[in-house]
PDB file of N, CA and C in Angstrom:
ATOM      1  N   MET A   1     -40.783  24.467 -16.490  1.00  0.00           N
ATOM      2  CA  MET A   1     -40.610  24.578 -17.814  1.00  0.00           C
ATOM      3  C   MET A   1     -42.240  24.752 -18.485  1.00  0.00           C
ATOM      4  N   LYS A   2     -43.218  24.550 -17.527  1.00  0.00           N
ATOM      5  CA  LYS A   2     -44.680  24.335 -17.785  1.00  0.00           C
ATOM      6  C   LYS A   2     -45.126  26.120 -18.381  1.00  0.00           C
ATOM      7  N   ASN A   3     -44.850  26.358 -17.725  1.00  0.00           N
ATOM      8  CA  ASN A   3     -45.055  27.957 -17.963  1.00  0.00           C
ATOM      9  C   ASN A   3     -44.360  28.245 -19.323  1.00  0.00           C
ATOM     10  N   PHE A   4     -43.209  28.638 -19.897  1.00  0.00           N
ATOM     11  CA  PHE A   4     -42.569  28.424 -20.837  1.00  0.00           C
ATOM     12  C   PHE A   4     -43.384  27.882 -22.203  1.00  0.00           C
ATOM     13  N   TYR A   5     -43.549  26.708 -21.995  1.00  0.00           N
ATOM     14  CA  TYR A   5     -44.718  25.953 -23.108  1.00  0.00           C
ATOM     15  C   TYR A   5     -45.731  26.185 -23.597  1.00  0.00           C
ATOM     16  N   SER A   6     -46.393  26.758 -22.291  1.00  0.00           N
ATOM     17  CA  SER A   6     -47.751  27.024 -22.406  1.00  0.00           C
ATOM     18  C   SER A   6     -47.889  28.458 -23.211  1.00  0.00           C
ATOM     19  N   LYS A   7     -47.359  29.012 -23.041  1.00  0.00           N
ATOM     20  CA  LYS A   7     -47.618  30.241 -24.754  1.00  0.00           C
ATOM     21  C   LYS A   7     -47.799  29.897 -25.607  1.00  0.00           C
ATOM     22  N   PHE A   8     -46.807  28.757 -25.753  1.00  0.00           N
ATOM     23  CA  PHE A   8     -46.774  28.101 -27.311  1.00  0.00           C
ATOM     24  C   PHE A   8     -48.135  26.889 -27.796  1.00  0.00           C
ATOM     25  N   THR A   9     -49.108  26.839 -26.890  1.00  0.00           N
ATOM     26  CA  THR A   9     -49.798  25.782 -26.895  1.00  0.00           C
ATOM     27  C   THR A   9     -51.230  26.202 -26.391  1.00  0.00           C
ATOM     28  N   ILE A  10     -52.409  25.397 -27.237  1.00  0.00           N
ATOM     29  CA  ILE A  10     -53.949  25.707 -27.300  1.00  0.00           C
ATOM     30  C   ILE A  10     -54.312  24.111 -26.843  1.00  0.00           C
ATOM     31  N   ASN A  11     -55.393  24.283 -26.556  1.00  0.00           N
ATOM     32  CA  ASN A  11     -56.199  22.724 -26.382  1.00  0.00           C
ATOM     33  C   ASN A  11     -57.026  22.757 -27.697  1.00  0.00           C
ATOM     34  N   ILE A  12     -57.154  21.367 -27.649  1.00  0.00           N
ATOM     35  CA  ILE A  12     -58.078  21.317 -28.634  1.00  0.00           C
ATOM     36  C   ILE A  12     -59.473  21.546 -29.052  1.00  0.00           C
ATOM     37  N   ASN A  13     -60.141  22.141 -27.868  1.00  0.00           N
ATOM     38  CA  ASN A  13     -61.426  22.773 -28.151  1.00  0.00           C
ATOM     39  C   ASN A  13     -61.125  24.161 -28.307  1.00  0.00           C
ATOM     40  N   SER A  14     -60.213  24.662 -28.419  1.00  0.00           N
ATOM     41  CA  SER A  14     -59.863  26.195 -28.526  1.00  0.00           C
ATOM     42  C   SER A  14     -60.454  26.968 -29.998  1.00  0.00           C
ATOM     43  N   THR A  15     -60.982  28.229 -29.785  1.00  0.00           N
ATOM     44  CA  THR A  15     -61.019  28.727 -30.800  1.00  0.00           C
ATOM     45  C   THR A  15     -60.410  29.313 -31.463  1.00  0.00           C
ATOM     46  N   LEU A  16     -60.510  29.818 -32.604  1.00  0.00           N
ATOM     47  CA  LEU A  16     -59.621  30.364 -33.845  1.00  0.00           C
ATOM     48  C   LEU A  16     -58.911  31.618 -32.867  1.00  0.00           C
ATOM     49  N   ILE A  17     -59.756  32.393 -32.259  1.00  0.00           N
ATOM     50  CA  ILE A  17     -59.383  33.425 -31.576  1.00  0.00           C
ATOM     51  C   ILE A  17     -58.370  33.166 -30.458  1.00  0.00           C
ATOM     52  N   ASP A  18     -58.470  32.236 -30.065  1.00  0.00           N
ATOM     53  CA  ASP A  18     -57.833  32.055 -28.838  1.00  0.00           C
ATOM     54  C   ASP A  18     -56.314  31.547 -29.448  1.00  0.00           C
ATOM     55  N   ALA A  19     -56.315  31.244 -30.486  1.00  0.00           N
ATOM     56  CA  ALA A  19     -55.060  31.025 -31.542  1.00  0.00           C
ATOM     57  C   ALA A  19     -54.458  31.991 -31.731  1.00  0.00           C
ATOM     58  N   VAL A  20     -54.727  32.995 -32.290  1.00  0.00           N
ATOM     59  CA  VAL A  20     -54.440  34.305 -32.674  1.00  0.00           C
ATOM     60  C   VAL A  20     -54.021  35.236 -31.314  1.00  0.00           C
ATOM     61  N   LYS A  21     -54.792  34.862 -30.686  1.00  0.00           N
ATOM     62  CA  LYS A  21     -53.945  35.501 -28.862  1.00  0.00           C
ATOM     63  C   LYS A  21     -52.767  35.143 -28.795  1.00  0.00           C
ATOM     64  N   LYS A  22     -52.416  33.628 -28.760  1.00  0.00           N
ATOM     65  CA  LYS A  22     -51.549  33.094 -28.283  1.00  0.00           C
ATOM     66  C   LYS A  22     -50.308  33.267 -28.842  1.00  0.00           C
ATOM     67  N   ILE A  23     -50.657  33.576 -30.760  1.00  0.00           N
ATOM     68  CA  ILE A  23     -49.605  33.914 -31.041  1.00  0.00           C
ATOM     69  C   ILE A  23     -49.123  35.021 -30.986  1.00  0.00           C
ATOM     70  N   GLU A  24     -50.172  36.233 -30.623  1.00  0.00           N
ATOM     71  CA  GLU A  24     -49.682  37.373 -30.399  1.00  0.00           C
ATOM     72  C   GLU A  24     -48.623  37.605 -29.240  1.00  0.00           C
ATOM     73  N   ILE A  25     -49.174  36.931 -28.400  1.00  0.00           N
ATOM     74  CA  ILE A  25     -48.351  36.301 -27.181  1.00  0.00           C
ATOM     75  C   ILE A  25     -46.725  35.791 -27.059  1.00  0.00           C
ATOM     76  N   ASN A  26     -46.617  34.722 -27.864  1.00  0.00           N
ATOM     77  CA  ASN A  26     -45.235  34.023 -28.105  1.00  0.00           C
ATOM     78  C   ASN A  26     -44.887  34.570 -29.564  1.00  0.00           C
ATOM     79  N   LYS A  27     -45.225  35.677 -29.918  1.00  0.00           N
ATOM     80  CA  LYS A  27     -44.383  35.905 -31.051  1.00  0.00           C
ATOM     81  C   LYS A  27     -43.733  34.926 -32.241  1.00  0.00           C
ATOM     82  N   SER A  28     -44.281  34.050 -32.598  1.00  0.00           N
ATOM     83  CA  SER A  28     -43.641  32.623 -33.127  1.00  0.00           C
ATOM     84  C   SER A  28     -44.053  32.526 -34.455  1.00  0.00           C
ATOM     85  N   ARG A  29     -45.506  33.026 -34.490  1.00  0.00           N
ATOM     86  CA  ARG A  29     -46.229  32.732 -35.651  1.00  0.00           C
ATOM     87  C   ARG A  29     -46.735  31.855 -35.748  1.00  0.00           C
ATOM     88  N   ILE A  30     -46.929  30.569 -34.685  1.00  0.00           N
ATOM     89  CA  ILE A  30     -47.280  29.838 -34.377  1.00  0.00           C
ATOM     90  C   ILE A  30     -47.487  29.748 -33.536  1.00  0.00           C
ATOM     91  N   VAL A  31     -48.665  28.496 -33.205  1.00  0.00           N
ATOM     92  CA  VAL A  31     -49.022  27.765 -31.885  1.00  0.00           C
ATOM     93  C   VAL A  31     -49.437  26.069 -32.215  1.00  0.00           C
ATOM     94  N   LEU A  32     -49.143  25.581 -31.061  1.00  0.00           N
ATOM     95  CA  LEU A  32     -49.173  24.082 -31.289  1.00  0.00           C
ATOM     96  C   LEU A  32     -50.709  23.681 -30.447  1.00  0.00           C
ATOM     97  N   VAL A  33     -51.039  22.895 -31.006  1.00  0.00           N
ATOM     98  CA  VAL A  33     -52.360  22.298 -30.708  1.00  0.00           C
ATOM     99  C   VAL A  33     -52.311  20.941 -29.851  1.00  0.00           C
ATOM    100  N   GLU A  34     -52.697  20.654 -28.634  1.00  0.00           N
ATOM    101  CA  GLU A  34     -52.636  19.868 -27.793  1.00  0.00           C
ATOM    102  C   GLU A  34     -53.907  19.124 -27.121  1.00  0.00           C
ATOM    103  N   LYS A  35     -54.005  17.558 -27.389  1.00  0.00           N
ATOM    104  CA  LYS A  35     -54.789  16.766 -26.868  1.00  0.00           C
ATOM    105  C   LYS A  35     -54.502  15.823 -25.974  1.00  0.00           C
ATOM    106  N   ASN A  36     -55.367  16.029 -24.620  1.00  0.00           N
ATOM    107  CA  ASN A  36     -54.649  15.094 -23.133  1.00  0.00           C
ATOM    108  C   ASN A  36     -53.085  14.876 -23.425  1.00  0.00           C
ATOM    109  N   LYS A  37     -52.824  16.191 -23.337  1.00  0.00           N
ATOM    110  CA  LYS A  37     -51.162  16.729 -23.047  1.00  0.00           C
ATOM    111  C   LYS A  37     -50.182  15.888 -24.180  1.00  0.00           C
ATOM    112  N   LYS A  38     -50.525  15.925 -25.462  1.00  0.00           N
ATOM    113  CA  LYS A  38     -49.883  15.765 -26.942  1.00  0.00           C
ATOM    114  C   LYS A  38     -50.369  16.487 -27.790  1.00  0.00           C
ATOM    115  N   ILE A  39     -49.196  16.894 -28.265  1.00  0.00           N
ATOM    116  CA  ILE A  39     -49.071  17.508 -29.409  1.00  0.00           C
ATOM    117  C   ILE A  39     -50.025  17.061 -30.673  1.00  0.00           C
ATOM    118  N   VAL A  40     -50.984  17.469 -31.358  1.00  0.00           N
ATOM    119  CA  VAL A  40     -51.503  16.826 -32.386  1.00  0.00           C
ATOM    120  C   VAL A  40     -51.669  17.098 -33.426  1.00  0.00           C
ATOM    121  N   GLY A  41     -51.236  19.204 -33.605  1.00  0.00           N
ATOM    122  CA  GLY A  41     -51.272  19.564 -34.619  1.00  0.00           C
ATOM    123  C   GLY A  41     -50.873  21.460 -34.426  1.00  0.00           C
ATOM    124  N   LEU A  42     -50.985  21.716 -35.320  1.00  0.00           N
ATOM    125  CA  LEU A  42     -50.123  23.163 -35.206  1.00  0.00           C
ATOM    126  C   LEU A  42     -51.277  24.022 -36.217  1.00  0.00           C
ATOM    127  N   ILE A  43     -51.157  24.941 -35.672  1.00  0.00           N
ATOM    128  CA  ILE A  43     -51.969  26.352 -36.635  1.00  0.00           C
ATOM    129  C   ILE A  43     -50.588  27.111 -36.719  1.00  0.00           C
ATOM    130  N   SER A  44     -50.948  27.858 -37.791  1.00  0.00           N
ATOM    131  CA  SER A  44     -49.568  28.809 -38.442  1.00  0.00           C
ATOM    132  C   SER A  44     -50.585  30.285 -38.352  1.00  0.00           C
ATOM    133  N   GLU A  45     -49.777  31.345 -38.722  1.00  0.00           N
ATOM    134  CA  GLU A  45     -50.230  32.947 -38.995  1.00  0.00           C
ATOM    135  C   GLU A  45     -51.266  32.369 -40.566  1.00  0.00           C
ATOM    136  N   GLY A  46     -50.253  31.863 -41.312  1.00  0.00           N
ATOM    137  CA  GLY A  46     -51.096  31.890 -42.828  1.00  0.00           C
ATOM    138  C   GLY A  46     -52.266  30.982 -42.758  1.00  0.00           C
ATOM    139  N   ASP A  47     -52.301  29.998 -41.964  1.00  0.00           N
ATOM    140  CA  ASP A  47     -53.763  29.484 -41.258  1.00  0.00           C
ATOM    141  C   ASP A  47     -54.450  30.164 -41.169  1.00  0.00           C
ATOM    142  N   ILE A  48     -54.222  31.012 -40.956  1.00  0.00           N
ATOM    143  CA  ILE A  48     -55.594  31.989 -40.216  1.00  0.00           C
ATOM    144  C   ILE A  48     -55.923  32.672 -40.777  1.00  0.00           C
ATOM    145  N   ILE A  49     -54.645  32.980 -41.962  1.00  0.00           N
ATOM    146  CA  ILE A  49     -55.354  34.156 -42.726  1.00  0.00           C
ATOM    147  C   ILE A  49     -55.897  33.399 -43.870  1.00  0.00           C
ATOM    148  N   ARG A  50     -55.715  32.526 -44.085  1.00  0.00           N
ATOM    149  CA  ARG A  50     -56.453  31.566 -45.266  1.00  0.00           C
ATOM    150  C   ARG A  50     -57.385  31.109 -44.666  1.00  0.00           C
ATOM    151  N   SER A  51     -58.107  30.681 -43.451  1.00  0.00           N
ATOM    152  CA  SER A  51     -59.443  30.742 -43.197  1.00  0.00           C
ATOM    153  C   SER A  51     -60.346  31.852 -43.107  1.00  0.00           C
ATOM    154  N   LEU A  52     -59.814  32.968 -42.882  1.00  0.00           N
ATOM    155  CA  LEU A  52     -60.423  34.284 -43.039  1.00  0.00           C
ATOM    156  C   LEU A  52     -60.629  34.766 -44.208  1.00  0.00           C
ATOM    157  N   ILE A  53     -59.373  34.279 -45.016  1.00  0.00           N
ATOM    158  CA  ILE A  53     -60.556  34.361 -46.970  1.00  0.00           C
ATOM    159  C   ILE A  53     -61.333  33.940 -47.303  1.00  0.00           C
ATOM    160  N   ARG A  54     -61.583  32.436 -46.300  1.00  0.00           N
ATOM    161  CA  ARG A  54     -62.590  31.626 -46.698  1.00  0.00           C
ATOM    162  C   ARG A  54     -64.013  31.766 -45.856  1.00  0.00           C
ATOM    163  N   ASN A  55     -64.135  33.233 -45.491  1.00  0.00           N
ATOM    164  CA  ASN A  55     -64.981  33.770 -44.408  1.00  0.00           C
ATOM    165  C   ASN A  55     -64.886  32.631 -43.122  1.00  0.00           C
ATOM    166  N   GLU A  56     -64.298  32.222 -42.668  1.00  0.00           N
ATOM    167  CA  GLU A  56     -64.668  31.057 -41.416  1.00  0.00           C
ATOM    168  C   GLU A  56     -64.406  31.969 -40.285  1.00  0.00           C
ATOM    169  N   SER A  57     -65.288  32.010 -39.324  1.00  0.00           N
ATOM    170  CA  SER A  57     -65.427  32.510 -37.894  1.00  0.00           C
ATOM    171  C   SER A  57     -63.941  32.508 -37.326  1.00  0.00           C
ATOM    172  N   LEU A  58     -63.571  33.527 -36.108  1.00  0.00           N
ATOM    173  CA  LEU A  58     -62.966  33.709 -35.449  1.00  0.00           C
ATOM    174  C   LEU A  58     -63.278  33.180 -34.714  1.00  0.00           C
ATOM    175  N   TYR A  59     -64.070  32.705 -33.984  1.00  0.00           N
ATOM    176  CA  TYR A  59     -64.787  31.877 -33.136  1.00  0.00           C
ATOM    177  C   TYR A  59     -65.231  30.621 -33.443  1.00  0.00           C
ATOM    178  N   GLY A  60     -65.034  29.948 -34.261  1.00  0.00           N
ATOM    179  CA  GLY A  60     -64.953  28.618 -34.691  1.00  0.00           C
ATOM    180  C   GLY A  60     -63.648  27.843 -33.967  1.00  0.00           C
ATOM    181  N   PRO A  61     -64.235  26.675 -34.094  1.00  0.00           N
ATOM    182  CA  PRO A  61     -63.042  25.682 -33.679  1.00  0.00           C
ATOM    183  C   PRO A  61     -61.956  25.551 -34.181  1.00  0.00           C
ATOM    184  N   ALA A  62     -60.563  25.856 -33.541  1.00  0.00           N
ATOM    185  CA  ALA A  62     -59.346  25.657 -34.078  1.00  0.00           C
ATOM    186  C   ALA A  62     -59.070  24.503 -34.820  1.00  0.00           C
ATOM    187  N   ALA A  63     -59.054  23.313 -34.264  1.00  0.00           N
ATOM    188  CA  ALA A  63     -59.002  22.337 -35.055  1.00  0.00           C
ATOM    189  C   ALA A  63     -59.470  21.942 -36.098  1.00  0.00           C
ATOM    190  N   GLU A  64     -60.290  22.816 -36.723  1.00  0.00           N
ATOM    191  CA  GLU A  64     -60.918  22.424 -38.255  1.00  0.00           C
ATOM    192  C   GLU A  64     -60.004  23.216 -39.103  1.00  0.00           C
ATOM    193  N   ILE A  65     -58.851  23.597 -38.355  1.00  0.00           N
ATOM    194  CA  ILE A  65     -58.008  24.328 -39.700  1.00  0.00           C
ATOM    195  C   ILE A  65     -56.470  24.265 -39.408  1.00  0.00           C
ATOM    196  N   MET A  66     -56.440  23.090 -37.736  1.00  0.00           N
ATOM    197  CA  MET A  66     -54.574  23.081 -37.567  1.00  0.00           C
ATOM    198  C   MET A  66     -54.079  21.744 -38.882  1.00  0.00           C
ATOM    199  N   ASN A  67     -52.724  22.165 -38.936  1.00  0.00           N
ATOM    200  CA  ASN A  67     -52.068  21.053 -39.597  1.00  0.00           C
ATOM    201  C   ASN A  67     -51.787  19.762 -38.827  1.00  0.00           C
ATOM    202  N   ILE A  68     -52.170  18.530 -39.224  1.00  0.00           N
ATOM    203  CA  ILE A  68     -51.695  17.518 -38.477  1.00  0.00           C
ATOM    204  C   ILE A  68     -50.668  16.762 -39.134  1.00  0.00           C
ATOM    205  N   SER A  69     -49.804  16.955 -40.193  1.00  0.00           N
ATOM    206  CA  SER A  69     -48.648  16.661 -40.776  1.00  0.00           C
ATOM    207  C   SER A  69     -47.604  17.764 -40.457  1.00  0.00           C
ATOM    208  N   PHE A  70     -46.425  17.316 -39.316  1.00  0.00           N
ATOM    209  CA  PHE A  70     -45.799  18.057 -38.735  1.00  0.00           C
ATOM    210  C   PHE A  70     -44.552  17.457 -38.367  1.00  0.00           C
ATOM    211  N   HIS A  71     -43.497  17.823 -38.497  1.00  0.00           N
ATOM    212  CA  HIS A  71     -41.890  16.742 -37.920  1.00  0.00           C
ATOM    213  C   HIS A  71     -42.373  17.198 -36.198  1.00  0.00           C
ATOM    214  N   TYR A  72     -41.802  16.414 -35.199  1.00  0.00           N
ATOM    215  CA  TYR A  72     -41.253  16.740 -34.299  1.00  0.00           C
ATOM    216  C   TYR A  72     -40.581  15.846 -33.590  1.00  0.00           C
ATOM    217  N   LEU A  73     -40.014  16.071 -31.907  1.00  0.00           N
ATOM    218  CA  LEU A  73     -38.894  15.718 -31.472  1.00  0.00           C
ATOM    219  C   LEU A  73     -38.959  14.950 -30.709  1.00  0.00           C
ATOM    220  N   GLU A  74     -38.098  13.458 -30.290  1.00  0.00           N
ATOM    221  CA  GLU A  74     -38.378  13.070 -29.076  1.00  0.00           C
ATOM    222  C   GLU A  74     -38.088  13.615 -28.109  1.00  0.00           C
ATOM    223  N   ASN A  75     -38.402  12.772 -26.963  1.00  0.00           N
ATOM    224  CA  ASN A  75     -38.296  13.316 -25.811  1.00  0.00           C
ATOM    225  C   ASN A  75     -36.904  13.759 -25.474  1.00  0.00           C
ATOM    226  N   LYS A  76     -36.060  12.100 -25.707  1.00  0.00           N
ATOM    227  CA  LYS A  76     -34.246  12.507 -25.861  1.00  0.00           C
ATOM    228  C   LYS A  76     -33.950  13.693 -26.234  1.00  0.00           C
ATOM    229  N   ASP A  77     -34.709  14.229 -27.252  1.00  0.00           N
ATOM    230  CA  ASP A  77     -33.937  15.549 -27.981  1.00  0.00           C
ATOM    231  C   ASP A  77     -34.118  16.653 -27.734  1.00  0.00           C
ATOM    232  N   MET A  78     -35.237  17.054 -26.810  1.00  0.00           N
ATOM    233  CA  MET A  78     -35.791  17.874 -25.768  1.00  0.00           C
ATOM    234  C   MET A  78     -34.715  18.741 -25.276  1.00  0.00           C
ATOM    235  N   GLU A  79     -34.093  18.018 -24.566  1.00  0.00           N
ATOM    236  CA  GLU A  79     -32.708  18.943 -24.308  1.00  0.00           C
ATOM    237  C   GLU A  79     -31.779  19.557 -24.936  1.00  0.00           C
ATOM    238  N   LEU A  80     -31.837  19.445 -26.160  1.00  0.00           N
ATOM    239  CA  LEU A  80     -30.815  20.045 -27.106  1.00  0.00           C
ATOM    240  C   LEU A  80     -31.771  21.083 -27.987  1.00  0.00           C
ATOM    241  N   ALA A  81     -32.769  21.066 -28.453  1.00  0.00           N
ATOM    242  CA  ALA A  81     -33.747  21.481 -28.810  1.00  0.00           C
ATOM    243  C   ALA A  81     -34.062  22.746 -27.853  1.00  0.00           C
ATOM    244  N   THR A  82     -34.311  22.674 -26.789  1.00  0.00           N
ATOM    245  CA  THR A  82     -35.006  23.885 -25.716  1.00  0.00           C
ATOM    246  C   THR A  82     -33.901  25.058 -26.159  1.00  0.00           C
ATOM    247  N   PRO A  83     -32.790  25.103 -25.608  1.00  0.00           N
ATOM    248  CA  PRO A  83     -32.078  26.194 -25.648  1.00  0.00           C
ATOM    249  C   PRO A  83     -31.601  27.010 -27.244  1.00  0.00           C
ATOM    250  N   ILE A  84     -32.083  26.159 -28.165  1.00  0.00           N
ATOM    251  CA  ILE A  84     -32.172  26.765 -29.508  1.00  0.00           C
ATOM    252  C   ILE A  84     -33.422  27.656 -29.652  1.00  0.00           C
ATOM    253  N   PHE A  85     -34.477  26.788 -29.145  1.00  0.00           N
ATOM    254  CA  PHE A  85     -35.872  27.425 -29.447  1.00  0.00           C
ATOM    255  C   PHE A  85     -35.922  28.492 -28.812  1.00  0.00           C
ATOM    256  N   LYS A  86     -35.167  28.748 -27.310  1.00  0.00           N
ATOM    257  CA  LYS A  86     -35.229  29.889 -26.457  1.00  0.00           C
ATOM    258  C   LYS A  86     -34.548  31.026 -27.093  1.00  0.00           C
ATOM    259  N   GLU A  87     -33.246  30.679 -27.758  1.00  0.00           N
ATOM    260  CA  GLU A  87     -32.249  31.609 -28.829  1.00  0.00           C
ATOM    261  C   GLU A  87     -33.091  32.298 -29.756  1.00  0.00           C
ATOM    262  N   ASN A  88     -33.985  31.398 -30.201  1.00  0.00           N
ATOM    263  CA  ASN A  88     -34.909  32.352 -31.393  1.00  0.00           C
ATOM    264  C   ASN A  88     -35.728  32.985 -31.400  1.00  0.00           C
ATOM    265  N   LEU A  89     -36.457  33.266 -29.918  1.00  0.00           N
ATOM    266  CA  LEU A  89     -37.671  34.069 -29.420  1.00  0.00           C
ATOM    267  C   LEU A  89     -37.382  35.339 -29.532  1.00  0.00           C
TER     268      LEU A  89
END
């Protein structure tokens, strides 16, 4: 499963261009930001577009534009969610 989820995550120290590349790979319009193996935020295509409109660098820290207000699933829900998530790719 690690390989499946790795295409949806970037490290907290990644750049905006890293986020763009992951979104291109995963085709989901979103990337999750992790720190110490925990999801701490997410970045959408819209977040990236807004940062570019503000003339922010693609090589700047992705963490500066990540959204930290999001809903998440508990571990017990992952077995139910994973097939749904895969189906919608």
